[in-house]
N, C-alpha and C. Protein backbone atom coordinates (compact mmCIF):
# COMPACT_ATOMS: atom_id res chain seq x y z
N UNK A 1 -252.48 -62.93 61.60
CA UNK A 1 -253.49 -63.86 61.10
C UNK A 1 -252.82 -64.98 60.29
N UNK A 2 -251.88 -64.65 59.44
CA UNK A 2 -251.23 -65.65 58.63
C UNK A 2 -250.51 -66.67 59.48
N UNK A 3 -249.85 -66.22 60.54
CA UNK A 3 -249.15 -67.14 61.44
C UNK A 3 -250.14 -68.09 62.09
N UNK A 4 -251.25 -67.56 62.58
CA UNK A 4 -252.25 -68.38 63.24
C UNK A 4 -252.84 -69.39 62.27
N UNK A 5 -253.15 -68.96 61.04
CA UNK A 5 -253.71 -69.87 60.04
C UNK A 5 -252.74 -70.98 59.70
N UNK A 6 -251.44 -70.66 59.63
CA UNK A 6 -250.44 -71.67 59.32
C UNK A 6 -250.38 -72.70 60.42
N UNK A 7 -250.47 -72.28 61.67
CA UNK A 7 -250.43 -73.22 62.78
C UNK A 7 -251.65 -74.16 62.76
N UNK A 8 -252.80 -73.64 62.38
CA UNK A 8 -254.02 -74.47 62.30
C UNK A 8 -253.85 -75.46 61.16
N UNK A 9 -253.33 -75.02 60.04
CA UNK A 9 -253.16 -75.88 58.88
C UNK A 9 -252.21 -77.04 59.18
N UNK A 10 -251.20 -76.81 59.96
CA UNK A 10 -250.19 -77.82 60.27
C UNK A 10 -250.60 -78.74 61.44
N UNK A 11 -251.74 -78.50 62.03
CA UNK A 11 -252.19 -79.31 63.15
C UNK A 11 -252.44 -80.75 62.66
N UNK A 12 -252.09 -81.72 63.48
CA UNK A 12 -252.18 -83.13 63.08
C UNK A 12 -253.60 -83.56 62.67
N UNK A 13 -254.63 -82.95 63.25
CA UNK A 13 -256.00 -83.33 62.88
C UNK A 13 -256.36 -82.85 61.48
N UNK A 14 -255.60 -81.91 60.92
CA UNK A 14 -255.90 -81.38 59.60
C UNK A 14 -255.01 -81.98 58.51
N UNK A 15 -254.14 -82.92 58.86
CA UNK A 15 -253.20 -83.48 57.90
C UNK A 15 -253.87 -84.14 56.70
N UNK A 16 -255.04 -84.70 56.88
CA UNK A 16 -255.69 -85.43 55.77
C UNK A 16 -256.40 -84.49 54.79
N UNK A 17 -256.48 -83.19 55.11
CA UNK A 17 -257.20 -82.25 54.26
C UNK A 17 -256.23 -81.43 53.39
N UNK A 18 -256.65 -81.19 52.16
CA UNK A 18 -255.87 -80.33 51.27
C UNK A 18 -256.32 -78.87 51.42
N UNK A 19 -257.56 -78.65 51.76
CA UNK A 19 -258.12 -77.31 51.89
C UNK A 19 -258.88 -77.18 53.20
N UNK A 20 -258.95 -76.00 53.72
CA UNK A 20 -259.82 -75.70 54.86
C UNK A 20 -260.24 -74.27 54.77
N UNK A 21 -261.34 -73.95 55.43
CA UNK A 21 -261.87 -72.60 55.41
C UNK A 21 -261.93 -72.11 56.85
N UNK A 22 -261.16 -71.13 57.15
CA UNK A 22 -261.14 -70.55 58.50
C UNK A 22 -262.07 -69.38 58.50
N UNK A 23 -263.14 -69.48 59.27
CA UNK A 23 -264.15 -68.42 59.34
C UNK A 23 -263.84 -67.53 60.53
N UNK A 24 -263.66 -66.27 60.28
CA UNK A 24 -263.44 -65.31 61.35
C UNK A 24 -264.80 -64.88 61.90
N UNK A 25 -264.84 -64.46 63.11
CA UNK A 25 -266.09 -63.95 63.66
C UNK A 25 -265.84 -62.62 64.37
N UNK A 26 -266.89 -61.88 64.52
CA UNK A 26 -266.83 -60.55 65.14
C UNK A 26 -267.03 -60.71 66.64
N UNK A 27 -266.15 -60.09 67.42
CA UNK A 27 -266.30 -60.11 68.87
C UNK A 27 -267.26 -58.99 69.28
N UNK A 28 -268.19 -59.31 70.13
CA UNK A 28 -269.08 -58.28 70.62
C UNK A 28 -269.39 -58.51 72.09
N UNK A 29 -269.81 -57.52 72.78
CA UNK A 29 -270.02 -57.58 74.21
C UNK A 29 -271.38 -58.19 74.52
N UNK A 30 -271.36 -59.16 75.42
CA UNK A 30 -272.60 -59.78 75.90
C UNK A 30 -272.71 -59.54 77.39
N UNK A 31 -273.75 -58.89 77.81
CA UNK A 31 -273.86 -58.49 79.23
C UNK A 31 -274.20 -59.65 80.14
N UNK A 32 -274.85 -60.68 79.66
CA UNK A 32 -275.27 -61.77 80.53
C UNK A 32 -274.21 -62.86 80.66
N UNK A 33 -273.09 -62.71 80.00
CA UNK A 33 -272.05 -63.75 80.04
C UNK A 33 -270.78 -63.17 80.68
N UNK A 34 -270.35 -63.76 81.78
CA UNK A 34 -269.15 -63.28 82.45
C UNK A 34 -267.95 -64.02 81.89
N UNK A 35 -267.07 -63.27 81.26
CA UNK A 35 -265.88 -63.86 80.64
C UNK A 35 -264.64 -63.11 81.08
N UNK A 36 -263.53 -63.84 81.29
CA UNK A 36 -262.29 -63.15 81.62
C UNK A 36 -261.72 -62.39 80.43
N UNK A 37 -262.20 -62.68 79.24
CA UNK A 37 -261.73 -61.99 78.04
C UNK A 37 -262.70 -60.88 77.68
N UNK A 38 -262.28 -59.62 77.63
CA UNK A 38 -263.19 -58.52 77.28
C UNK A 38 -263.81 -58.69 75.92
N UNK A 39 -265.07 -58.38 75.81
CA UNK A 39 -265.81 -58.41 74.53
C UNK A 39 -265.85 -59.80 73.88
N UNK A 40 -265.75 -60.85 74.67
CA UNK A 40 -265.80 -62.21 74.13
C UNK A 40 -267.23 -62.69 74.14
N UNK A 41 -267.61 -63.37 73.09
CA UNK A 41 -268.92 -63.96 73.01
C UNK A 41 -268.79 -65.46 72.77
N UNK A 42 -269.54 -66.29 73.49
CA UNK A 42 -269.50 -67.73 73.24
C UNK A 42 -270.15 -68.11 71.92
N UNK A 43 -270.91 -67.20 71.35
CA UNK A 43 -271.60 -67.47 70.09
C UNK A 43 -271.02 -66.58 68.98
N UNK A 44 -270.35 -67.16 67.99
CA UNK A 44 -269.81 -66.33 66.92
C UNK A 44 -270.91 -65.64 66.12
N UNK A 45 -270.65 -64.43 65.70
CA UNK A 45 -271.58 -63.68 64.87
C UNK A 45 -270.97 -63.56 63.50
N UNK A 46 -271.33 -64.45 62.61
CA UNK A 46 -270.76 -64.48 61.27
C UNK A 46 -271.84 -64.12 60.26
N UNK A 47 -271.54 -63.16 59.40
CA UNK A 47 -272.47 -62.74 58.36
C UNK A 47 -271.74 -62.72 57.03
N UNK A 48 -272.36 -63.23 56.00
CA UNK A 48 -271.79 -63.17 54.65
C UNK A 48 -272.63 -62.15 53.85
N UNK A 49 -271.99 -61.47 52.93
CA UNK A 49 -272.66 -60.45 52.14
C UNK A 49 -273.42 -61.03 50.95
N UNK A 50 -273.29 -62.34 50.75
CA UNK A 50 -274.02 -62.99 49.68
C UNK A 50 -274.27 -64.46 50.08
N UNK A 51 -275.20 -65.09 49.43
CA UNK A 51 -275.43 -66.51 49.67
C UNK A 51 -274.35 -67.34 49.01
N UNK A 52 -273.86 -68.32 49.71
CA UNK A 52 -272.87 -69.22 49.14
C UNK A 52 -273.61 -70.52 48.84
N UNK A 53 -273.93 -70.71 47.58
CA UNK A 53 -274.77 -71.86 47.19
C UNK A 53 -273.98 -72.89 46.41
N UNK A 54 -272.68 -72.97 46.66
CA UNK A 54 -271.85 -74.01 46.05
C UNK A 54 -270.74 -74.39 47.03
N UNK A 55 -270.11 -75.50 46.78
CA UNK A 55 -269.04 -76.01 47.63
C UNK A 55 -267.76 -75.23 47.29
N UNK A 56 -267.37 -74.31 48.11
CA UNK A 56 -266.21 -73.46 47.81
C UNK A 56 -264.91 -74.26 47.76
N UNK A 57 -264.79 -75.26 48.60
CA UNK A 57 -263.58 -76.06 48.63
C UNK A 57 -263.47 -76.92 47.36
N UNK A 58 -264.57 -77.45 46.90
CA UNK A 58 -264.58 -78.20 45.64
C UNK A 58 -264.25 -77.28 44.47
N UNK A 59 -264.77 -76.05 44.49
CA UNK A 59 -264.48 -75.07 43.46
C UNK A 59 -262.98 -74.78 43.38
N UNK A 60 -262.34 -74.61 44.53
CA UNK A 60 -260.89 -74.36 44.55
C UNK A 60 -260.12 -75.57 44.02
N UNK A 61 -260.58 -76.77 44.35
CA UNK A 61 -259.92 -77.99 43.88
C UNK A 61 -259.98 -78.12 42.37
N UNK A 62 -261.14 -77.78 41.81
CA UNK A 62 -261.31 -77.90 40.34
C UNK A 62 -260.53 -76.83 39.64
């Protein structure tokens, strides 16, 4: 994961940013979608255990 995150951070489209938030998603099986990748879903299923009601990137900057 660290290697992958580093490659994303060094991508030319991200050069102007000091911070970024990489959101992981859970892979789950979808029966109506035919994919060459097992258990791949075109729709990420992301759940947070609490409400995030502030700008996390601004918080890190401050």
